[in-house]
Protein backbone atom coordinates (compact mmCIF):
# COMPACT_ATOMS: atom_id res chain seq x y z
CA MET A 1 77.95 -91.77 -44.42
CA LYS A 2 74.16 -90.96 -43.53
CA GLU A 3 73.37 -91.88 -47.22
CA ALA A 4 74.90 -95.47 -46.65
CA LYS A 5 72.89 -95.97 -43.68
CA ARG A 6 69.69 -94.73 -45.14
CA ASN A 7 70.52 -97.36 -47.98
CA MET A 8 71.14 -100.12 -45.34
CA MET A 9 67.91 -99.37 -43.35
CA LYS A 10 66.19 -99.36 -46.80
CA PHE A 11 67.38 -102.73 -47.59
CA MET A 12 66.62 -104.16 -44.20
CA ARG A 13 62.99 -102.54 -44.27
CA GLY A 14 62.72 -104.33 -47.72
CA ASN A 15 64.04 -107.60 -46.56
CA PRO A 16 63.70 -108.05 -42.75
CA SER A 17 64.94 -111.72 -42.51
CA ALA A 18 67.94 -111.32 -44.80
CA THR A 19 71.19 -112.89 -43.57
CA PHE A 20 74.26 -111.06 -43.18
CA GLU A 21 75.81 -112.34 -46.37
CA GLU A 22 72.73 -111.01 -48.50
CA PHE A 23 73.21 -107.71 -46.46
CA PHE A 24 76.96 -107.64 -47.27
CA LYS A 25 76.34 -108.16 -50.87
CA ALA A 26 73.33 -105.33 -51.17
CA THR A 27 75.06 -102.62 -49.05
CA ASN A 28 78.68 -103.60 -48.41
CA GLY A 29 77.93 -102.93 -44.69
CA ARG A 30 79.71 -104.15 -41.68
CA LYS A 31 78.32 -107.09 -39.32
CA GLN A 32 77.73 -104.32 -36.75
CA ASP A 33 75.66 -102.54 -39.11
CA TRP A 34 73.65 -105.55 -39.90
CA TYR A 35 72.94 -106.00 -36.19
CA SER A 36 72.18 -102.38 -35.59
CA ALA A 37 69.73 -102.36 -38.58
CA ARG A 38 68.02 -105.54 -37.14
CA TYR A 39 67.63 -103.89 -33.76
CA ILE A 40 66.34 -100.68 -35.03
CA LEU A 41 63.58 -102.86 -37.08
CA LYS A 42 62.77 -104.79 -33.94
CA LYS A 43 62.18 -101.50 -32.03
CA GLU A 44 60.07 -99.90 -34.78
CA LYS A 45 57.98 -102.95 -34.72
CA ASN A 46 57.40 -103.04 -31.19
CA ALA A 47 56.78 -99.37 -31.08
CA GLU A 48 53.94 -100.01 -33.69
CA LYS A 49 52.25 -102.44 -31.25
CA ILE A 50 52.11 -100.31 -28.02
CA PRO A 51 50.07 -97.03 -28.14
CA LYS A 52 51.83 -94.13 -26.55
CA VAL A 53 48.53 -92.77 -24.77
CA LYS A 54 48.84 -92.11 -21.32
CA THR A 55 45.81 -92.21 -18.89
CA VAL A 56 45.65 -90.80 -15.25
CA LYS A 57 44.20 -93.19 -12.97
CA VAL A 58 42.14 -91.48 -10.26
CA LYS A 59 42.22 -93.10 -6.97
CA SER A 60 39.70 -92.14 -4.06
CA TYR A 61 40.16 -93.53 -0.66
CA GLU A 62 37.39 -93.70 1.97
CA ARG A 63 38.55 -91.74 5.19
CA ALA A 64 36.91 -92.35 8.61
CA SER A 65 35.28 -89.49 10.35
CA PRO A 66 37.32 -88.27 13.26
CA SER A 67 34.51 -89.69 15.44
CA GLU A 68 35.08 -93.27 14.14
CA THR A 69 38.80 -93.18 14.62
CA THR A 70 39.84 -94.53 17.94
CA TYR A 71 43.29 -94.36 19.62
CA ASP A 72 43.69 -96.78 22.52
CA ALA A 73 46.43 -95.52 24.44
CA VAL A 74 46.43 -97.97 27.16
CA ALA A 75 46.76 -100.85 24.75
CA VAL A 76 49.81 -99.10 23.10
CA TYR A 77 51.52 -98.48 26.48
CA ASN A 78 51.11 -102.06 27.39
CA LYS A 79 52.49 -103.44 24.04
CA LEU A 80 55.53 -100.82 24.62
CA LEU A 81 56.00 -102.43 28.15
CA GLU A 82 55.99 -105.72 26.69
CA LEU A 83 58.51 -105.04 23.83
CA GLN A 84 60.82 -103.49 26.47
CA LYS A 85 60.72 -106.61 28.70
CA GLU A 86 61.35 -108.60 25.48
CA ASN A 87 64.16 -106.50 24.68
CA ALA A 88 65.78 -106.70 28.17
CA ASP A 89 65.47 -110.47 28.12
CA LEU A 90 67.26 -110.65 24.80
CA LYS A 91 69.91 -108.40 26.11
CA HIS A 92 70.46 -110.73 28.88
CA GLN A 93 70.64 -113.80 26.61
CA ILE A 94 73.24 -112.10 24.62
CA ILE A 95 75.43 -111.66 27.74
CA GLY A 96 74.76 -115.07 28.69
CA PHE A 97 75.94 -116.62 25.25
CA ARG A 98 79.14 -114.30 25.06
CA SER A 99 80.17 -115.74 28.58
CA VAL A 100 79.78 -119.21 27.16
CA ILE A 101 81.74 -118.55 24.25
CA SER A 102 84.43 -116.99 26.12
CA TYR A 103 84.71 -119.96 28.26
CA LEU A 104 84.87 -122.13 25.43
CA GLU A 105 87.59 -120.02 23.65
CA ASN A 106 89.65 -120.12 27.17
CA LEU A 107 89.43 -124.03 27.49
CA SER A 108 90.41 -124.54 23.79
CA GLY A 109 93.25 -121.93 24.01
CA LEU A 110 91.84 -119.73 21.12
CA ARG A 111 92.19 -115.92 21.30
CA ASN A 112 88.99 -113.98 22.26
CA SER A 113 86.82 -113.30 19.10
CA GLN A 114 84.69 -111.00 21.01
């Protein structure tokens, strides 16, 4: 079996553009063998183009000295308060929307969806 596969690959390497009929006459192979041989040839051809050399890229980052970095605690605290207020407002809006939906469902006779 291995010898037959070698013969098929040998034929396909010699005739890379061979049709299935030509392949069948020369090797008595199945159509799947023809597809497999074409795939292997394509893989071999692409392997020759791409070099297998890996290089390591060195990255360097400039770090600021501790004296240059500043942490503004007041600004962070103010931002936190602002976000908490916005969150409370959105929760209040959700409650209002739910009450409107409930009221409209009651008017139309639908069951509660909430």
